[in-house]
Amino acid sequence: MSFLVDTEISDLVSPGAEQPLAARVDTADITNAQSAIQAASLDLTIGEIFLPGTQGTERGAAQSPLSDYCLKTGETAVIKTKEILNVPQYLVGIGFPPAHLSRKGILTTNPGHIDPGYQGALHLTLINMSREPFPLQRGNKILTVLFSRLEKCPATPYD
Protein backbone atom coordinates (compact mmCIF):
# COMPACT_ATOMS: atom_id res chain seq x y z
CA MET A 1 0.00 0.00 0.00
CA SER A 2 1.30 3.45 -0.85
CA PHE A 3 -0.02 6.75 0.43
CA LEU A 4 -0.63 9.92 -1.55
CA VAL A 5 1.96 12.63 -1.08
CA ASP A 6 1.54 16.38 -0.69
CA THR A 7 1.52 17.27 -4.40
CA GLU A 8 -1.08 14.57 -5.17
CA ILE A 9 -3.29 15.70 -2.29
CA SER A 10 -2.88 19.33 -3.33
CA ASP A 11 -3.95 18.51 -6.90
CA LEU A 12 -7.01 16.65 -5.58
CA VAL A 13 -8.18 19.42 -3.22
CA SER A 14 -7.44 22.38 -5.47
CA PRO A 15 -10.48 24.42 -6.53
CA GLY A 16 -9.76 23.49 -10.17
CA ALA A 17 -9.89 19.72 -9.53
CA GLU A 18 -12.56 17.90 -11.53
CA GLN A 19 -13.87 16.15 -8.41
CA PRO A 20 -12.24 17.81 -5.36
CA LEU A 21 -11.28 15.33 -2.64
CA ALA A 22 -12.25 17.84 0.04
CA ALA A 23 -13.96 21.21 0.26
CA ARG A 24 -13.19 24.05 2.69
CA VAL A 25 -9.46 23.24 2.71
CA ASP A 26 -6.98 26.12 2.75
CA THR A 27 -4.72 25.25 -0.19
CA ALA A 28 -2.47 28.30 0.12
CA ASP A 29 1.18 27.35 0.57
CA ILE A 30 1.79 23.61 1.01
CA THR A 31 5.42 24.28 1.93
CA ASN A 32 4.27 26.11 5.07
CA ALA A 33 4.49 23.97 8.24
CA GLN A 34 0.97 25.10 9.19
CA SER A 35 -0.54 23.98 5.87
CA ALA A 36 -3.47 21.56 5.96
CA ILE A 37 -1.59 19.56 3.33
CA GLN A 38 1.38 17.82 4.90
CA ALA A 39 4.04 15.52 3.36
CA ALA A 40 1.66 12.54 3.12
CA SER A 41 -1.55 13.62 4.85
CA LEU A 42 -4.40 16.10 5.02
CA ASP A 43 -5.14 17.81 8.32
CA LEU A 44 -8.80 18.37 9.15
CA THR A 45 -10.04 20.96 11.61
CA ILE A 46 -12.85 21.52 14.09
CA GLY A 47 -16.01 22.75 12.44
CA GLU A 48 -18.76 22.27 15.02
CA ILE A 49 -18.71 21.05 18.61
CA PHE A 50 -21.55 19.05 20.15
CA LEU A 51 -21.98 18.00 23.78
CA PRO A 52 -23.54 14.55 24.28
CA GLY A 53 -26.72 14.68 26.35
CA THR A 54 -27.48 18.30 25.48
CA GLN A 55 -31.09 18.66 24.33
CA GLY A 56 -33.23 20.98 22.24
CA THR A 57 -31.87 24.44 21.66
CA GLU A 58 -29.31 24.34 24.49
CA ARG A 59 -25.84 25.39 23.37
CA GLY A 60 -24.00 22.27 22.22
CA ALA A 61 -27.14 20.40 21.10
CA ALA A 62 -27.63 19.22 17.53
CA GLN A 63 -29.54 22.41 16.61
CA SER A 64 -27.10 24.70 18.39
CA PRO A 65 -23.48 23.56 17.91
CA LEU A 66 -20.63 25.40 19.55
CA SER A 67 -17.66 27.04 17.84
CA ASP A 68 -15.49 26.83 20.95
CA TYR A 69 -15.62 24.99 24.24
CA CYS A 70 -13.30 24.16 27.12
CA LEU A 71 -13.42 20.38 27.57
CA LYS A 72 -13.18 19.60 31.27
CA THR A 73 -11.47 16.55 32.77
CA GLY A 74 -13.53 13.41 32.04
CA GLU A 75 -15.85 15.27 29.70
CA THR A 76 -16.79 14.19 26.18
CA ALA A 77 -17.45 16.23 23.03
CA VAL A 78 -18.40 15.22 19.49
CA ILE A 79 -16.60 17.10 16.73
CA LYS A 80 -17.80 17.59 13.16
CA THR A 81 -14.96 18.57 10.85
CA LYS A 82 -15.05 21.86 8.98
CA GLU A 83 -13.85 20.12 5.82
CA ILE A 84 -16.26 18.13 3.67
CA LEU A 85 -14.77 15.01 2.08
CA ASN A 86 -15.67 13.69 -1.35
CA VAL A 87 -13.57 10.52 -1.55
CA PRO A 88 -13.31 9.13 -5.08
CA GLN A 89 -14.00 5.42 -5.62
CA TYR A 90 -10.31 4.78 -6.26
CA LEU A 91 -9.13 6.13 -2.86
CA VAL A 92 -9.45 5.06 0.77
CA GLY A 93 -8.59 7.11 3.84
CA ILE A 94 -7.42 6.41 7.37
CA GLY A 95 -7.85 9.07 10.07
CA PHE A 96 -5.61 9.46 13.10
CA PRO A 97 -5.55 11.94 15.95
CA PRO A 98 -2.59 14.31 15.73
CA ALA A 99 0.17 13.65 18.27
CA HIS A 100 -0.45 16.94 20.09
CA LEU A 101 -3.85 15.63 21.24
CA SER A 102 -2.41 12.43 22.68
CA ARG A 103 0.34 14.35 24.47
CA LYS A 104 -2.33 16.52 26.11
CA GLY A 105 -4.31 13.48 27.33
CA ILE A 106 -7.11 13.76 24.78
CA LEU A 107 -8.49 10.40 23.68
CA THR A 108 -9.98 10.38 20.19
CA THR A 109 -12.42 7.69 19.19
CA ASN A 110 -13.83 6.60 15.83
CA PRO A 111 -11.86 8.54 13.22
CA GLY A 112 -10.60 5.30 11.59
CA HIS A 113 -11.37 4.05 8.13
CA ILE A 114 -12.90 6.25 5.40
CA ASP A 115 -14.49 4.24 2.60
CA PRO A 116 -14.17 4.97 -1.12
CA GLY A 117 -17.18 7.04 -2.18
CA TYR A 118 -17.69 8.65 1.26
CA GLN A 119 -19.07 12.17 1.08
CA GLY A 120 -19.49 14.57 3.98
CA ALA A 121 -17.86 15.83 7.14
CA LEU A 122 -16.28 13.41 9.59
CA HIS A 123 -17.47 13.05 13.18
CA LEU A 124 -15.24 12.00 16.04
CA THR A 125 -15.54 11.83 19.79
CA LEU A 126 -13.01 13.40 22.14
CA ILE A 127 -12.61 12.48 25.79
CA ASN A 128 -10.45 14.57 28.09
CA MET A 129 -8.41 12.03 30.08
CA SER A 130 -6.00 14.64 31.45
CA ARG A 131 -6.14 16.61 34.67
CA GLU A 132 -6.36 19.91 32.83
CA PRO A 133 -9.19 21.46 30.79
CA PHE A 134 -8.56 21.38 27.04
CA PRO A 135 -9.72 24.24 24.76
CA LEU A 136 -11.55 23.31 21.57
CA GLN A 137 -11.93 25.99 18.91
CA ARG A 138 -13.29 26.05 15.38
CA GLY A 139 -10.38 25.88 12.94
CA ASN A 140 -7.99 23.99 15.23
CA LYS A 141 -6.40 20.86 13.82
CA ILE A 142 -8.24 17.77 15.08
CA LEU A 143 -7.54 14.89 12.66
CA THR A 144 -4.85 13.76 10.22
CA VAL A 145 -5.98 11.69 7.23
CA LEU A 146 -3.77 9.49 5.07
CA PHE A 147 -5.11 8.58 1.62
CA SER A 148 -4.15 5.53 -0.41
CA ARG A 149 -4.95 4.65 -4.00
CA LEU A 150 -6.76 1.32 -4.47
CA GLU A 151 -5.58 -1.18 -7.06
CA LYS A 152 -9.12 -1.32 -8.42
CA CYS A 153 -12.45 0.36 -7.68
CA PRO A 154 -14.79 -1.50 -5.31
CA ALA A 155 -18.01 -3.04 -6.64
CA THR A 156 -19.96 -1.42 -3.81
CA PRO A 157 -18.43 1.90 -2.71
CA TYR A 158 -19.85 3.82 0.27
CA ASP A 159 -22.07 6.04 -1.88
C-alpha atoms as a PDB file:
ATOM      1  CA  MET A   1       0.000   0.000   0.000  1.00  0.00           C
ATOM      2  CA  SER A   2       1.301   3.452  -0.854  1.00  0.00           C
ATOM      3  CA  PHE A   3      -0.020   6.747   0.430  1.00  0.00           C
ATOM      4  CA  LEU A   4      -0.633   9.917  -1.547  1.00  0.00           C
ATOM      5  CA  VAL A   5       1.965  12.635  -1.075  1.00  0.00           C
ATOM      6  CA  ASP A   6       1.540  16.382  -0.689  1.00  0.00           C
ATOM      7  CA  THR A   7       1.521  17.265  -4.402  1.00  0.00           C
ATOM      8  CA  GLU A   8      -1.083  14.570  -5.174  1.00  0.00           C
ATOM      9  CA  ILE A   9      -3.287  15.697  -2.287  1.00  0.00           C
ATOM     10  CA  SER A  10      -2.883  19.326  -3.334  1.00  0.00           C
ATOM     11  CA  ASP A  11      -3.952  18.505  -6.898  1.00  0.00           C
ATOM     12  CA  LEU A  12      -7.009  16.649  -5.579  1.00  0.00           C
ATOM     13  CA  VAL A  13      -8.182  19.416  -3.223  1.00  0.00           C
ATOM     14  CA  SER A  14      -7.437  22.384  -5.471  1.00  0.00           C
ATOM     15  CA  PRO A  15     -10.482  24.423  -6.528  1.00  0.00           C
ATOM     16  CA  GLY A  16      -9.756  23.485 -10.166  1.00  0.00           C
ATOM     17  CA  ALA A  17      -9.894  19.717  -9.533  1.00  0.00           C
ATOM     18  CA  GLU A  18     -12.563  17.899 -11.533  1.00  0.00           C
ATOM     19  CA  GLN A  19     -13.871  16.150  -8.406  1.00  0.00           C
ATOM     20  CA  PRO A  20     -12.238  17.810  -5.359  1.00  0.00           C
ATOM     21  CA  LEU A  21     -11.279  15.327  -2.636  1.00  0.00           C
ATOM     22  CA  ALA A  22     -12.249  17.842   0.044  1.00  0.00           C
ATOM     23  CA  ALA A  23     -13.960  21.212   0.261  1.00  0.00           C
ATOM     24  CA  ARG A  24     -13.193  24.046   2.687  1.00  0.00           C
ATOM     25  CA  VAL A  25      -9.458  23.241   2.706  1.00  0.00           C
ATOM     26  CA  ASP A  26      -6.979  26.116   2.747  1.00  0.00           C
ATOM     27  CA  THR A  27      -4.721  25.253  -0.190  1.00  0.00           C
ATOM     28  CA  ALA A  28      -2.466  28.299   0.115  1.00  0.00           C
ATOM     29  CA  ASP A  29       1.176  27.349   0.572  1.00  0.00           C
ATOM     30  CA  ILE A  30       1.790  23.611   1.008  1.00  0.00           C
ATOM     31  CA  THR A  31       5.420  24.285   1.928  1.00  0.00           C
ATOM     32  CA  ASN A  32       4.272  26.114   5.069  1.00  0.00           C
ATOM     33  CA  ALA A  33       4.491  23.971   8.240  1.00  0.00           C
ATOM     34  CA  GLN A  34       0.970  25.103   9.194  1.00  0.00           C
ATOM     35  CA  SER A  35      -0.536  23.983   5.867  1.00  0.00           C
ATOM     36  CA  ALA A  36      -3.467  21.564   5.961  1.00  0.00           C
ATOM     37  CA  ILE A  37      -1.588  19.559   3.326  1.00  0.00           C
ATOM     38  CA  GLN A  38       1.384  17.817   4.902  1.00  0.00           C
ATOM     39  CA  ALA A  39       4.039  15.522   3.365  1.00  0.00           C
ATOM     40  CA  ALA A  40       1.655  12.541   3.123  1.00  0.00           C
ATOM     41  CA  SER A  41      -1.549  13.620   4.852  1.00  0.00           C
ATOM     42  CA  LEU A  42      -4.400  16.096   5.019  1.00  0.00           C
ATOM     43  CA  ASP A  43      -5.140  17.808   8.322  1.00  0.00           C
ATOM     44  CA  LEU A  44      -8.803  18.372   9.150  1.00  0.00           C
ATOM     45  CA  THR A  45     -10.044  20.964  11.615  1.00  0.00           C
ATOM     46  CA  ILE A  46     -12.851  21.515  14.091  1.00  0.00           C
ATOM     47  CA  GLY A  47     -16.006  22.751  12.439  1.00  0.00           C
ATOM     48  CA  GLU A  48     -18.759  22.273  15.016  1.00  0.00           C
ATOM     49  CA  ILE A  49     -18.708  21.046  18.609  1.00  0.00           C
ATOM     50  CA  PHE A  50     -21.545  19.050  20.155  1.00  0.00           C
ATOM     51  CA  LEU A  51     -21.976  18.004  23.777  1.00  0.00           C
ATOM     52  CA  PRO A  52     -23.544  14.555  24.283  1.00  0.00           C
ATOM     53  CA  GLY A  53     -26.718  14.678  26.353  1.00  0.00           C
ATOM     54  CA  THR A  54     -27.475  18.299  25.479  1.00  0.00           C
ATOM     55  CA  GLN A  55     -31.085  18.658  24.331  1.00  0.00           C
ATOM     56  CA  GLY A  56     -33.232  20.977  22.243  1.00  0.00           C
ATOM     57  CA  THR A  57     -31.875  24.442  21.665  1.00  0.00           C
ATOM     58  CA  GLU A  58     -29.313  24.345  24.489  1.00  0.00           C
ATOM     59  CA  ARG A  59     -25.839  25.386  23.373  1.00  0.00           C
ATOM     60  CA  GLY A  60     -24.003  22.274  22.216  1.00  0.00           C
ATOM     61  CA  ALA A  61     -27.138  20.405  21.105  1.00  0.00           C
ATOM     62  CA  ALA A  62     -27.628  19.218  17.525  1.00  0.00           C
ATOM     63  CA  GLN A  63     -29.540  22.406  16.609  1.00  0.00           C
ATOM     64  CA  SER A  64     -27.103  24.697  18.389  1.00  0.00           C
ATOM     65  CA  PRO A  65     -23.476  23.558  17.911  1.00  0.00           C
ATOM     66  CA  LEU A  66     -20.627  25.397  19.555  1.00  0.00           C
ATOM     67  CA  SER A  67     -17.663  27.044  17.841  1.00  0.00           C
ATOM     68  CA  ASP A  68     -15.490  26.831  20.947  1.00  0.00           C
ATOM     69  CA  TYR A  69     -15.616  24.989  24.238  1.00  0.00           C
ATOM     70  CA  CYS A  70     -13.298  24.165  27.120  1.00  0.00           C
ATOM     71  CA  LEU A  71     -13.424  20.384  27.568  1.00  0.00           C
ATOM     72  CA  LYS A  72     -13.180  19.605  31.275  1.00  0.00           C
ATOM     73  CA  THR A  73     -11.472  16.550  32.770  1.00  0.00           C
ATOM     74  CA  GLY A  74     -13.526  13.410  32.035  1.00  0.00           C
ATOM     75  CA  GLU A  75     -15.854  15.273  29.698  1.00  0.00           C
ATOM     76  CA  THR A  76     -16.793  14.188  26.176  1.00  0.00           C
ATOM     77  CA  ALA A  77     -17.447  16.226  23.030  1.00  0.00           C
ATOM     78  CA  VAL A  78     -18.402  15.216  19.493  1.00  0.00           C
ATOM     79  CA  ILE A  79     -16.604  17.095  16.733  1.00  0.00           C
ATOM     80  CA  LYS A  80     -17.796  17.586  13.163  1.00  0.00           C
ATOM     81  CA  THR A  81     -14.958  18.568  10.849  1.00  0.00           C
ATOM     82  CA  LYS A  82     -15.051  21.861   8.982  1.00  0.00           C
ATOM     83  CA  GLU A  83     -13.851  20.116   5.824  1.00  0.00           C
ATOM     84  CA  ILE A  84     -16.257  18.127   3.666  1.00  0.00           C
ATOM     85  CA  LEU A  85     -14.769  15.007   2.077  1.00  0.00           C
ATOM     86  CA  ASN A  86     -15.669  13.687  -1.353  1.00  0.00           C
ATOM     87  CA  VAL A  87     -13.567  10.522  -1.553  1.00  0.00           C
ATOM     88  CA  PRO A  88     -13.307   9.128  -5.085  1.00  0.00           C
ATOM     89  CA  GLN A  89     -14.001   5.422  -5.621  1.00  0.00           C
ATOM     90  CA  TYR A  90     -10.309   4.782  -6.256  1.00  0.00           C
ATOM     91  CA  LEU A  91      -9.133   6.129  -2.864  1.00  0.00           C
ATOM     92  CA  VAL A  92      -9.451   5.063   0.767  1.00  0.00           C
ATOM     93  CA  GLY A  93      -8.590   7.111   3.841  1.00  0.00           C
ATOM     94  CA  ILE A  94      -7.416   6.413   7.368  1.00  0.00           C
ATOM     95  CA  GLY A  95      -7.855   9.069  10.068  1.00  0.00           C
ATOM     96  CA  PHE A  96      -5.606   9.455  13.103  1.00  0.00           C
ATOM     97  CA  PRO A  97      -5.554  11.940  15.955  1.00  0.00           C
ATOM     98  CA  PRO A  98      -2.592  14.307  15.726  1.00  0.00           C
ATOM     99  CA  ALA A  99       0.174  13.653  18.265  1.00  0.00           C
ATOM    100  CA  HIS A 100      -0.453  16.940  20.089  1.00  0.00           C
ATOM    101  CA  LEU A 101      -3.848  15.628  21.244  1.00  0.00           C
ATOM    102  CA  SER A 102      -2.406  12.429  22.678  1.00  0.00           C
ATOM    103  CA  ARG A 103       0.337  14.354  24.473  1.00  0.00           C
ATOM    104  CA  LYS A 104      -2.331  16.522  26.110  1.00  0.00           C
ATOM    105  CA  GLY A 105      -4.310  13.483  27.333  1.00  0.00           C
ATOM    106  CA  ILE A 106      -7.106  13.762  24.783  1.00  0.00           C
ATOM    107  CA  LEU A 107      -8.494  10.399  23.679  1.00  0.00           C
ATOM    108  CA  THR A 108      -9.980  10.381  20.186  1.00  0.00           C
ATOM    109  CA  THR A 109     -12.415   7.686  19.192  1.00  0.00           C
ATOM    110  CA  ASN A 110     -13.827   6.601  15.826  1.00  0.00           C
ATOM    111  CA  PRO A 111     -11.859   8.536  13.220  1.00  0.00           C
ATOM    112  CA  GLY A 112     -10.599   5.298  11.589  1.00  0.00           C
ATOM    113  CA  HIS A 113     -11.375   4.045   8.131  1.00  0.00           C
ATOM    114  CA  ILE A 114     -12.900   6.254   5.405  1.00  0.00           C
ATOM    115  CA  ASP A 115     -14.491   4.245   2.596  1.00  0.00           C
ATOM    116  CA  PRO A 116     -14.174   4.971  -1.116  1.00  0.00           C
ATOM    117  CA  GLY A 117     -17.183   7.038  -2.178  1.00  0.00           C
ATOM    118  CA  TYR A 118     -17.692   8.648   1.261  1.00  0.00           C
ATOM    119  CA  GLN A 119     -19.066  12.173   1.075  1.00  0.00           C
ATOM    120  CA  GLY A 120     -19.487  14.567   3.978  1.00  0.00           C
ATOM    121  CA  ALA A 121     -17.859  15.829   7.138  1.00  0.00           C
ATOM    122  CA  LEU A 122     -16.284  13.405   9.595  1.00  0.00           C
ATOM    123  CA  HIS A 123     -17.468  13.048  13.177  1.00  0.00           C
ATOM    124  CA  LEU A 124     -15.236  11.996  16.040  1.00  0.00           C
ATOM    125  CA  THR A 125     -15.542  11.835  19.790  1.00  0.00           C
ATOM    126  CA  LEU A 126     -13.008  13.400  22.142  1.00  0.00           C
ATOM    127  CA  ILE A 127     -12.613  12.480  25.794  1.00  0.00           C
ATOM    128  CA  ASN A 128     -10.446  14.569  28.088  1.00  0.00           C
ATOM    129  CA  MET A 129      -8.408  12.034  30.081  1.00  0.00           C
ATOM    130  CA  SER A 130      -5.998  14.642  31.451  1.00  0.00           C
ATOM    131  CA  ARG A 131      -6.140  16.606  34.673  1.00  0.00           C
ATOM    132  CA  GLU A 132      -6.361  19.913  32.827  1.00  0.00           C
ATOM    133  CA  PRO A 133      -9.193  21.459  30.793  1.00  0.00           C
ATOM    134  CA  PHE A 134      -8.563  21.385  27.037  1.00  0.00           C
ATOM    135  CA  PRO A 135      -9.717  24.237  24.762  1.00  0.00           C
ATOM    136  CA  LEU A 136     -11.547  23.311  21.565  1.00  0.00           C
ATOM    137  CA  GLN A 137     -11.930  25.989  18.915  1.00  0.00           C
ATOM    138  CA  ARG A 138     -13.285  26.046  15.379  1.00  0.00           C
ATOM    139  CA  GLY A 139     -10.383  25.881  12.936  1.00  0.00           C
ATOM    140  CA  ASN A 140      -7.986  23.993  15.234  1.00  0.00           C
ATOM    141  CA  LYS A 141      -6.399  20.859  13.819  1.00  0.00           C
ATOM    142  CA  ILE A 142      -8.238  17.767  15.077  1.00  0.00           C
ATOM    143  CA  LEU A 143      -7.544  14.887  12.659  1.00  0.00           C
ATOM    144  CA  THR A 144      -4.849  13.763  10.223  1.00  0.00           C
ATOM    145  CA  VAL A 145      -5.978  11.693   7.233  1.00  0.00           C
ATOM    146  CA  LEU A 146      -3.772   9.494   5.068  1.00  0.00           C
ATOM    147  CA  PHE A 147      -5.107   8.578   1.618  1.00  0.00           C
ATOM    148  CA  SER A 148      -4.151   5.535  -0.408  1.00  0.00           C
ATOM    149  CA  ARG A 149      -4.947   4.653  -4.002  1.00  0.00           C
ATOM    150  CA  LEU A 150      -6.759   1.324  -4.474  1.00  0.00           C
ATOM    151  CA  GLU A 151      -5.581  -1.183  -7.058  1.00  0.00           C
ATOM    152  CA  LYS A 152      -9.120  -1.319  -8.419  1.00  0.00           C
ATOM    153  CA  CYS A 153     -12.447   0.361  -7.683  1.00  0.00           C
ATOM    154  CA  PRO A 154     -14.792  -1.501  -5.309  1.00  0.00           C
ATOM    155  CA  ALA A 155     -18.007  -3.040  -6.642  1.00  0.00           C
ATOM    156  CA  THR A 156     -19.958  -1.425  -3.805  1.00  0.00           C
ATOM    157  CA  PRO A 157     -18.427   1.902  -2.706  1.00  0.00           C
ATOM    158  CA  TYR A 158     -19.852   3.819   0.265  1.00  0.00           C
ATOM    159  CA  ASP A 159     -22.072   6.041  -1.881  1.00  0.00           C
END
